[in-house]
PDB file of N, CA and C in Angstrom:
ATOM      1  N   MET A   1       0.835  -1.187   0.000  1.00  0.00           N
ATOM      2  CA  MET A   1       0.000   0.000   0.000  1.00  0.00           C
ATOM      3  C   MET A   1       0.878   1.247   0.000  1.00  0.00           C
ATOM      4  N   SER A   2       0.342   2.288  -0.557  1.00  0.00           N
ATOM      5  CA  SER A   2       1.068   3.553  -0.568  1.00  0.00           C
ATOM      6  C   SER A   2       0.920   4.242   0.787  1.00  0.00           C
ATOM      7  N   LYS A   3       1.656   5.327   0.950  1.00  0.00           N
ATOM      8  CA  LYS A   3       1.627   6.043   2.225  1.00  0.00           C
ATOM      9  C   LYS A   3       0.249   6.639   2.490  1.00  0.00           C
ATOM     10  N   GLY A   4      -0.380   7.166   1.448  1.00  0.00           N
ATOM     11  CA  GLY A   4      -1.716   7.742   1.615  1.00  0.00           C
ATOM     12  C   GLY A   4      -2.752   6.710   2.001  1.00  0.00           C
ATOM     13  N   ALA A   5      -2.659   5.522   1.407  1.00  0.00           N
ATOM     14  CA  ALA A   5      -3.598   4.454   1.753  1.00  0.00           C
ATOM     15  C   ALA A   5      -3.378   3.979   3.180  1.00  0.00           C
ATOM     16  N   ASN A   6      -2.123   3.950   3.625  1.00  0.00           N
ATOM     17  CA  ASN A   6      -1.844   3.572   5.011  1.00  0.00           C
ATOM     18  C   ASN A   6      -2.432   4.576   5.994  1.00  0.00           C
ATOM     19  N   VAL A   7      -2.320   5.856   5.672  1.00  0.00           N
ATOM     20  CA  VAL A   7      -2.855   6.894   6.553  1.00  0.00           C
ATOM     21  C   VAL A   7      -4.375   6.790   6.637  1.00  0.00           C
ATOM     22  N   VAL A   8      -5.032   6.595   5.507  1.00  0.00           N
ATOM     23  CA  VAL A   8      -6.488   6.473   5.501  1.00  0.00           C
ATOM     24  C   VAL A   8      -6.925   5.226   6.262  1.00  0.00           C
ATOM     25  N   THR A   9      -6.180   4.131   6.116  1.00  0.00           N
ATOM     26  CA  THR A   9      -6.509   2.907   6.849  1.00  0.00           C
ATOM     27  C   THR A   9      -6.353   3.107   8.350  1.00  0.00           C
ATOM     28  N   ILE A  10      -5.303   3.796   8.764  1.00  0.00           N
ATOM     29  CA  ILE A  10      -5.113   4.086  10.187  1.00  0.00           C
ATOM     30  C   ILE A  10      -6.245   4.964  10.703  1.00  0.00           C
ATOM     31  N   PHE A  11      -6.630   5.983   9.934  1.00  0.00           N
ATOM     32  CA  PHE A  11      -7.739   6.842  10.346  1.00  0.00           C
ATOM     33  C   PHE A  11      -9.036   6.059  10.447  1.00  0.00           C
ATOM     34  N   LEU A  12      -9.254   5.129   9.519  1.00  0.00           N
ATOM     35  CA  LEU A  12     -10.460   4.305   9.550  1.00  0.00           C
ATOM     36  C   LEU A  12     -10.484   3.419  10.791  1.00  0.00           C
ATOM     37  N   ILE A  13      -9.359   2.821  11.129  1.00  0.00           N
ATOM     38  CA  ILE A  13      -9.289   1.978  12.320  1.00  0.00           C
ATOM     39  C   ILE A  13      -9.524   2.800  13.580  1.00  0.00           C
ATOM     40  N   ILE A  14      -8.934   3.986  13.652  1.00  0.00           N
ATOM     41  CA  ILE A  14      -9.143   4.859  14.809  1.00  0.00           C
ATOM     42  C   ILE A  14     -10.615   5.230  14.938  1.00  0.00           C
ATOM     43  N   SER A  15     -11.255   5.575  13.828  1.00  0.00           N
ATOM     44  CA  SER A  15     -12.664   5.977  13.896  1.00  0.00           C
ATOM     45  C   SER A  15     -13.565   4.800  14.255  1.00  0.00           C
ATOM     46  N   ILE A  16     -13.235   3.590  13.814  1.00  0.00           N
ATOM     47  CA  ILE A  16     -14.031   2.419  14.200  1.00  0.00           C
ATOM     48  C   ILE A  16     -13.918   2.171  15.697  1.00  0.00           C
ATOM     49  N   ILE A  17     -12.710   2.291  16.240  1.00  0.00           N
ATOM     50  CA  ILE A  17     -12.527   2.106  17.681  1.00  0.00           C
ATOM     51  C   ILE A  17     -13.282   3.173  18.460  1.00  0.00           C
ATOM     52  N   VAL A  18     -13.209   4.423  18.008  1.00  0.00           N
ATOM     53  CA  VAL A  18     -13.944   5.506  18.671  1.00  0.00           C
ATOM     54  C   VAL A  18     -15.446   5.253  18.600  1.00  0.00           C
ATOM     55  N   GLY A  19     -15.939   4.769  17.469  1.00  0.00           N
ATOM     56  CA  GLY A  19     -17.364   4.473  17.322  1.00  0.00           C
ATOM     57  C   GLY A  19     -17.832   3.372  18.246  1.00  0.00           C
ATOM     58  N   ILE A  20     -17.039   2.311  18.376  1.00  0.00           N
ATOM     59  CA  ILE A  20     -17.420   1.207  19.264  1.00  0.00           C
ATOM     60  C   ILE A  20     -17.417   1.653  20.716  1.00  0.00           C
ATOM     61  N   VAL A  21     -16.377   2.370  21.122  1.00  0.00           N
ATOM     62  CA  VAL A  21     -16.296   2.840  22.507  1.00  0.00           C
ATOM     63  C   VAL A  21     -17.420   3.821  22.814  1.00  0.00           C
ATOM     64  N   SER A  22     -17.690   4.746  21.907  1.00  0.00           N
ATOM     65  CA  SER A  22     -18.763   5.710  22.162  1.00  0.00           C
ATOM     66  C   SER A  22     -20.125   5.031  22.180  1.00  0.00           C
ATOM     67  N   SER A  23     -20.319   4.013  21.360  1.00  0.00           N
ATOM     68  CA  SER A  23     -21.582   3.276  21.378  1.00  0.00           C
ATOM     69  C   SER A  23     -21.783   2.568  22.712  1.00  0.00           C
ATOM     70  N   ILE A  24     -20.732   1.946  23.224  1.00  0.00           N
ATOM     71  CA  ILE A  24     -20.831   1.261  24.517  1.00  0.00           C
ATOM     72  C   ILE A  24     -21.092   2.256  25.639  1.00  0.00           C
ATOM     73  N   LEU A  25     -20.348   3.365  25.637  1.00  0.00           N
ATOM     74  CA  LEU A  25     -20.548   4.363  26.693  1.00  0.00           C
ATOM     75  C   LEU A  25     -21.929   5.005  26.614  1.00  0.00           C
ATOM     76  N   LEU A  26     -22.393   5.291  25.405  1.00  0.00           N
ATOM     77  CA  LEU A  26     -23.734   5.862  25.267  1.00  0.00           C
ATOM     78  C   LEU A  26     -24.807   4.884  25.714  1.00  0.00           C
ATOM     79  N   THR A  27     -24.623   3.600  25.443  1.00  0.00           N
ATOM     80  CA  THR A  27     -25.586   2.605  25.911  1.00  0.00           C
ATOM     81  C   THR A  27     -25.645   2.594  27.427  1.00  0.00           C
ATOM     82  N   ILE A  28     -24.496   2.640  28.069  1.00  0.00           N
ATOM     83  CA  ILE A  28     -24.461   2.627  29.537  1.00  0.00           C
ATOM     84  C   ILE A  28     -25.095   3.889  30.104  1.00  0.00           C
ATOM     85  N   PHE A  29     -24.702   5.044  29.586  1.00  0.00           N
ATOM     86  CA  PHE A  29     -25.183   6.295  30.161  1.00  0.00           C
ATOM     87  C   PHE A  29     -26.645   6.582  29.828  1.00  0.00           C
ATOM     88  N   LEU A  30     -27.051   6.334  28.587  1.00  0.00           N
ATOM     89  CA  LEU A  30     -28.441   6.614  28.218  1.00  0.00           C
ATOM     90  C   LEU A  30     -29.412   5.633  28.857  1.00  0.00           C
ATOM     91  N   THR A  31     -29.002   4.383  29.014  1.00  0.00           N
ATOM     92  CA  THR A  31     -29.883   3.409  29.655  1.00  0.00           C
ATOM     93  C   THR A  31     -30.050   3.733  31.128  1.00  0.00           C
ATOM     94  N   GLY A  32     -29.011   4.210  31.766  1.00  0.00           N
ATOM     95  CA  GLY A  32     -29.118   4.609  33.168  1.00  0.00           C
ATOM     96  C   GLY A  32     -29.890   5.901  33.353  1.00  0.00           C
ATOM     97  N   TYR A  33     -29.908   6.741  32.325  1.00  0.00           N
ATOM     98  CA  TYR A  33     -30.604   8.024  32.422  1.00  0.00           C
ATOM     99  C   TYR A  33     -32.108   7.868  32.271  1.00  0.00           C
ATOM    100  N   GLU A  34     -32.538   6.992  31.382  1.00  0.00           N
ATOM    101  CA  GLU A  34     -33.965   6.801  31.138  1.00  0.00           C
ATOM    102  C   GLU A  34     -34.598   6.020  32.287  1.00  0.00           C
ATOM    103  N   ALA A  35     -35.735   6.492  32.754  1.00  0.00           N
ATOM    104  CA  ALA A  35     -36.377   5.866  33.912  1.00  0.00           C
ATOM    105  C   ALA A  35     -37.334   4.747  33.510  1.00  0.00           C
ATOM    106  N   THR A  36     -37.944   4.861  32.350  1.00  0.00           N
ATOM    107  CA  THR A  36     -38.942   3.863  31.962  1.00  0.00           C
ATOM    108  C   THR A  36     -38.296   2.744  31.151  1.00  0.00           C
ATOM    109  N   THR A  37     -38.980   1.628  31.094  1.00  0.00           N
ATOM    110  CA  THR A  37     -38.479   0.491  30.330  1.00  0.00           C
ATOM    111  C   THR A  37     -38.458   0.802  28.838  1.00  0.00           C
ATOM    112  N   GLN A  38     -39.495   1.475  28.344  1.00  0.00           N
ATOM    113  CA  GLN A  38     -39.541   1.830  26.922  1.00  0.00           C
ATOM    114  C   GLN A  38     -38.407   2.788  26.566  1.00  0.00           C
ATOM    115  N   GLY A  39     -38.107   3.725  27.443  1.00  0.00           N
ATOM    116  CA  GLY A  39     -36.998   4.643  27.198  1.00  0.00           C
ATOM    117  C   GLY A  39     -35.660   3.935  27.178  1.00  0.00           C
ATOM    118  N   GLN A  40     -35.497   2.936  28.026  1.00  0.00           N
ATOM    119  CA  GLN A  40     -34.254   2.168  28.033  1.00  0.00           C
ATOM    120  C   GLN A  40     -34.096   1.355  26.753  1.00  0.00           C
ATOM    121  N   ILE A  41     -35.200   0.811  26.258  1.00  0.00           N
ATOM    122  CA  ILE A  41     -35.150   0.053  25.004  1.00  0.00           C
ATOM    123  C   ILE A  41     -34.794   0.979  23.840  1.00  0.00           C
ATOM    124  N   GLU A  42     -35.411   2.147  23.802  1.00  0.00           N
ATOM    125  CA  GLU A  42     -35.109   3.102  22.734  1.00  0.00           C
ATOM    126  C   GLU A  42     -33.667   3.592  22.823  1.00  0.00           C
ATOM    127  N   ALA A  43     -33.165   3.799  24.031  1.00  0.00           N
ATOM    128  CA  ALA A  43     -31.776   4.227  24.195  1.00  0.00           C
ATOM    129  C   ALA A  43     -30.812   3.141  23.732  1.00  0.00           C
ATOM    130  N   THR A  44     -31.168   1.888  23.971  1.00  0.00           N
ATOM    131  CA  THR A  44     -30.328   0.777  23.527  1.00  0.00           C
ATOM    132  C   THR A  44     -30.277   0.706  22.005  1.00  0.00           C
ATOM    133  N   TYR A  45     -31.394   0.979  21.348  1.00  0.00           N
ATOM    134  CA  TYR A  45     -31.417   0.964  19.881  1.00  0.00           C
ATOM    135  C   TYR A  45     -30.746   2.201  19.281  1.00  0.00           C
ATOM    136  N   ALA A  46     -30.831   3.331  19.958  1.00  0.00           N
ATOM    137  CA  ALA A  46     -30.303   4.575  19.401  1.00  0.00           C
ATOM    138  C   ALA A  46     -28.796   4.729  19.602  1.00  0.00           C
ATOM    139  N   SER A  47     -28.239   4.091  20.604  1.00  0.00           N
ATOM    140  CA  SER A  47     -26.815   4.276  20.914  1.00  0.00           C
ATOM    141  C   SER A  47     -25.879   3.875  19.777  1.00  0.00           C
ATOM    142  N   PRO A  48     -26.086   2.741  19.096  1.00  0.00           N
ATOM    143  CA  PRO A  48     -25.189   2.431  17.965  1.00  0.00           C
ATOM    144  C   PRO A  48     -25.289   3.442  16.823  1.00  0.00           C
ATOM    145  N   LEU A  49     -26.465   4.018  16.634  1.00  0.00           N
ATOM    146  CA  LEU A  49     -26.602   5.037  15.588  1.00  0.00           C
ATOM    147  C   LEU A  49     -25.824   6.294  15.954  1.00  0.00           C
ATOM    148  N   TYR A  50     -25.911   6.697  17.216  1.00  0.00           N
ATOM    149  CA  TYR A  50     -25.119   7.840  17.669  1.00  0.00           C
ATOM    150  C   TYR A  50     -23.626   7.534  17.577  1.00  0.00           C
ATOM    151  N   GLY A  51     -23.245   6.318  17.926  1.00  0.00           N
ATOM    152  CA  GLY A  51     -21.841   5.919  17.832  1.00  0.00           C
ATOM    153  C   GLY A  51     -21.328   5.947  16.403  1.00  0.00           C
ATOM    154  N   ALA A  52     -22.163   5.530  15.456  1.00  0.00           N
ATOM    155  CA  ALA A  52     -21.768   5.576  14.044  1.00  0.00           C
ATOM    156  C   ALA A  52     -21.613   7.018  13.574  1.00  0.00           C
ATOM    157  N   GLY A  53     -22.483   7.897  14.049  1.00  0.00           N
ATOM    158  CA  GLY A  53     -22.360   9.310  13.700  1.00  0.00           C
ATOM    159  C   GLY A  53     -21.094   9.932  14.264  1.00  0.00           C
ATOM    160  N   ILE A  54     -20.770   9.581  15.494  1.00  0.00           N
ATOM    161  CA  ILE A  54     -19.543  10.088  16.105  1.00  0.00           C
ATOM    162  C   ILE A  54     -18.324   9.552  15.361  1.00  0.00           C
ATOM    163  N   ALA A  55     -18.350   8.274  14.995  1.00  0.00           N
ATOM    164  CA  ALA A  55     -17.222   7.673  14.271  1.00  0.00           C
ATOM    165  C   ALA A  55     -17.034   8.314  12.900  1.00  0.00           C
ATOM    166  N   SER A  56     -18.122   8.568  12.188  1.00  0.00           N
ATOM    167  CA  SER A  56     -17.982   9.200  10.875  1.00  0.00           C
ATOM    168  C   SER A  56     -17.499  10.640  11.007  1.00  0.00           C
ATOM    169  N   GLY A  57     -17.913  11.318  12.063  1.00  0.00           N
ATOM    170  CA  GLY A  57     -17.406  12.666  12.305  1.00  0.00           C
ATOM    171  C   GLY A  57     -15.922  12.684  12.618  1.00  0.00           C
ATOM    172  N   VAL A  58     -15.468  11.714  13.405  1.00  0.00           N
ATOM    173  CA  VAL A  58     -14.038  11.616  13.716  1.00  0.00           C
ATOM    174  C   VAL A  58     -13.238  11.305  12.454  1.00  0.00           C
ATOM    175  N   PHE A  59     -13.734  10.386  11.633  1.00  0.00           N
ATOM    176  CA  PHE A  59     -13.038  10.023  10.393  1.00  0.00           C
ATOM    177  C   PHE A  59     -12.943  11.220   9.452  1.00  0.00           C
ATOM    178  N   THR A  60     -14.039  11.944   9.303  1.00  0.00           N
ATOM    179  CA  THR A  60     -14.036  13.116   8.428  1.00  0.00           C
ATOM    180  C   THR A  60     -13.102  14.197   8.958  1.00  0.00           C
ATOM    181  N   SER A  61     -13.128  14.425  10.267  1.00  0.00           N
ATOM    182  CA  SER A  61     -12.251  15.434  10.862  1.00  0.00           C
ATOM    183  C   SER A  61     -10.781  15.065  10.695  1.00  0.00           C
ATOM    184  N   LEU A  62     -10.465  13.787  10.899  1.00  0.00           N
ATOM    185  CA  LEU A  62      -9.079  13.360  10.711  1.00  0.00           C
ATOM    186  C   LEU A  62      -8.631  13.547   9.268  1.00  0.00           C
ATOM    187  N   LEU A  63      -9.492  13.219   8.317  1.00  0.00           N
ATOM    188  CA  LEU A  63      -9.126  13.400   6.909  1.00  0.00           C
ATOM    189  C   LEU A  63      -8.969  14.871   6.547  1.00  0.00           C
ATOM    190  N   LEU A  64      -9.801  15.726   7.131  1.00  0.00           N
ATOM    191  CA  LEU A  64      -9.731  17.147   6.801  1.00  0.00           C
ATOM    192  C   LEU A  64      -8.536  17.837   7.449  1.00  0.00           C
ATOM    193  N   PHE A  65      -8.219  17.463   8.685  1.00  0.00           N
ATOM    194  CA  PHE A  65      -7.164  18.173   9.404  1.00  0.00           C
ATOM    195  C   PHE A  65      -5.776  17.582   9.221  1.00  0.00           C
ATOM    196  N   TYR A  66      -5.677  16.387   8.644  1.00  0.00           N
ATOM    197  CA  TYR A  66      -4.352  15.783   8.445  1.00  0.00           C
ATOM    198  C   TYR A  66      -3.452  16.626   7.545  1.00  0.00           C
ATOM    199  N   PRO A  67      -3.913  17.109   6.392  1.00  0.00           N
ATOM    200  CA  PRO A  67      -3.010  17.937   5.572  1.00  0.00           C
ATOM    201  C   PRO A  67      -2.611  19.237   6.255  1.00  0.00           C
ATOM    202  N   VAL A  68      -3.490  19.768   7.092  1.00  0.00           N
ATOM    203  CA  VAL A  68      -3.174  21.020   7.781  1.00  0.00           C
ATOM    204  C   VAL A  68      -2.022  20.801   8.755  1.00  0.00           C
ATOM    205  N   PHE A  69      -2.088  19.706   9.519  1.00  0.00           N
ATOM    206  CA  PHE A  69      -1.028  19.444  10.482  1.00  0.00           C
ATOM    207  C   PHE A  69       0.230  18.875   9.824  1.00  0.00           C
ATOM    208  N   LYS A  70       0.065  18.198   8.703  1.00  0.00           N
ATOM    209  CA  LYS A  70       1.214  17.601   8.024  1.00  0.00           C
ATOM    210  C   LYS A  70       2.023  18.649   7.266  1.00  0.00           C
ATOM    211  N   LYS A  71       1.352  19.513   6.516  1.00  0.00           N
ATOM    212  CA  LYS A  71       2.054  20.458   5.649  1.00  0.00           C
ATOM    213  C   LYS A  71       1.714  21.908   5.951  1.00  0.00           C
ATOM    214  N   GLY A  72       1.019  22.136   7.030  1.00  0.00           N
ATOM    215  CA  GLY A  72       0.551  23.484   7.321  1.00  0.00           C
ATOM    216  C   GLY A  72       1.660  24.419   7.770  1.00  0.00           C
ATOM    217  N   ASP A  73       1.391  25.695   7.640  1.00  0.00           N
ATOM    218  CA  ASP A  73       2.318  26.725   8.072  1.00  0.00           C
ATOM    219  C   ASP A  73       2.057  27.006   9.541  1.00  0.00           C
ATOM    220  N   ARG A  74       3.036  26.747  10.373  1.00  0.00           N
ATOM    221  CA  ARG A  74       2.854  26.937  11.813  1.00  0.00           C
ATOM    222  C   ARG A  74       3.499  28.230  12.313  1.00  0.00           C
ATOM    223  N   SER A  75       3.965  29.053  11.424  1.00  0.00           N
ATOM    224  CA  SER A  75       4.653  30.268  11.849  1.00  0.00           C
ATOM    225  C   SER A  75       3.681  31.357  12.287  1.00  0.00           C
ATOM    226  N   HIS A  76       2.434  31.275  11.857  1.00  0.00           N
ATOM    227  CA  HIS A  76       1.395  32.266  12.176  1.00  0.00           C
ATOM    228  C   HIS A  76       1.754  33.655  11.674  1.00  0.00           C
ATOM    229  N   GLN A  77       2.550  33.728  10.615  1.00  0.00           N
ATOM    230  CA  GLN A  77       2.855  34.998   9.970  1.00  0.00           C
ATOM    231  C   GLN A  77       2.403  34.905   8.523  1.00  0.00           C
ATOM    232  N   TRP A  78       1.099  34.786   8.354  1.00  0.00           N
ATOM    233  CA  TRP A  78       0.555  34.582   7.025  1.00  0.00           C
ATOM    234  C   TRP A  78       0.527  35.889   6.252  1.00  0.00           C
ATOM    235  N   GLU A  79       0.597  35.774   4.929  1.00  0.00           N
ATOM    236  CA  GLU A  79       0.553  36.950   4.075  1.00  0.00           C
ATOM    237  C   GLU A  79      -0.885  37.413   3.913  1.00  0.00           C
ATOM    238  N   ASP A  80      -1.009  38.666   3.539  1.00  0.00           N
ATOM    239  CA  ASP A  80      -2.325  39.217   3.272  1.00  0.00           C
ATOM    240  C   ASP A  80      -2.642  38.972   1.800  1.00  0.00           C
ATOM    241  N   PHE A  81      -3.721  38.259   1.527  1.00  0.00           N
ATOM    242  CA  PHE A  81      -4.033  37.862   0.153  1.00  0.00           C
ATOM    243  C   PHE A  81      -5.070  38.761  -0.503  1.00  0.00           C
ATOM    244  N   ARG A  82      -5.193  39.999  -0.055  1.00  0.00           N
ATOM    245  CA  ARG A  82      -6.154  40.901  -0.682  1.00  0.00           C
ATOM    246  C   ARG A  82      -5.635  41.395  -1.999  1.00  0.00           C
TER     247      ARG A  82
END
């Protein structure tokens, strides 16, 4: 694999791990928060969806910010482009 494919694969693995952990934590916290049985069932069904949303957000953020941190100008003395 090329370097770019390796980076994307690493980002994908990180986002999958974040999604699984957030899904488990959301299941624990939302199920404990809801007082009724129906609310606990709905929280159990909704937690993986929230976890998938968090994972896709992390993956997108990593892809967007990687070039900035990799090749970005850190001097903070940018030119005026007017």
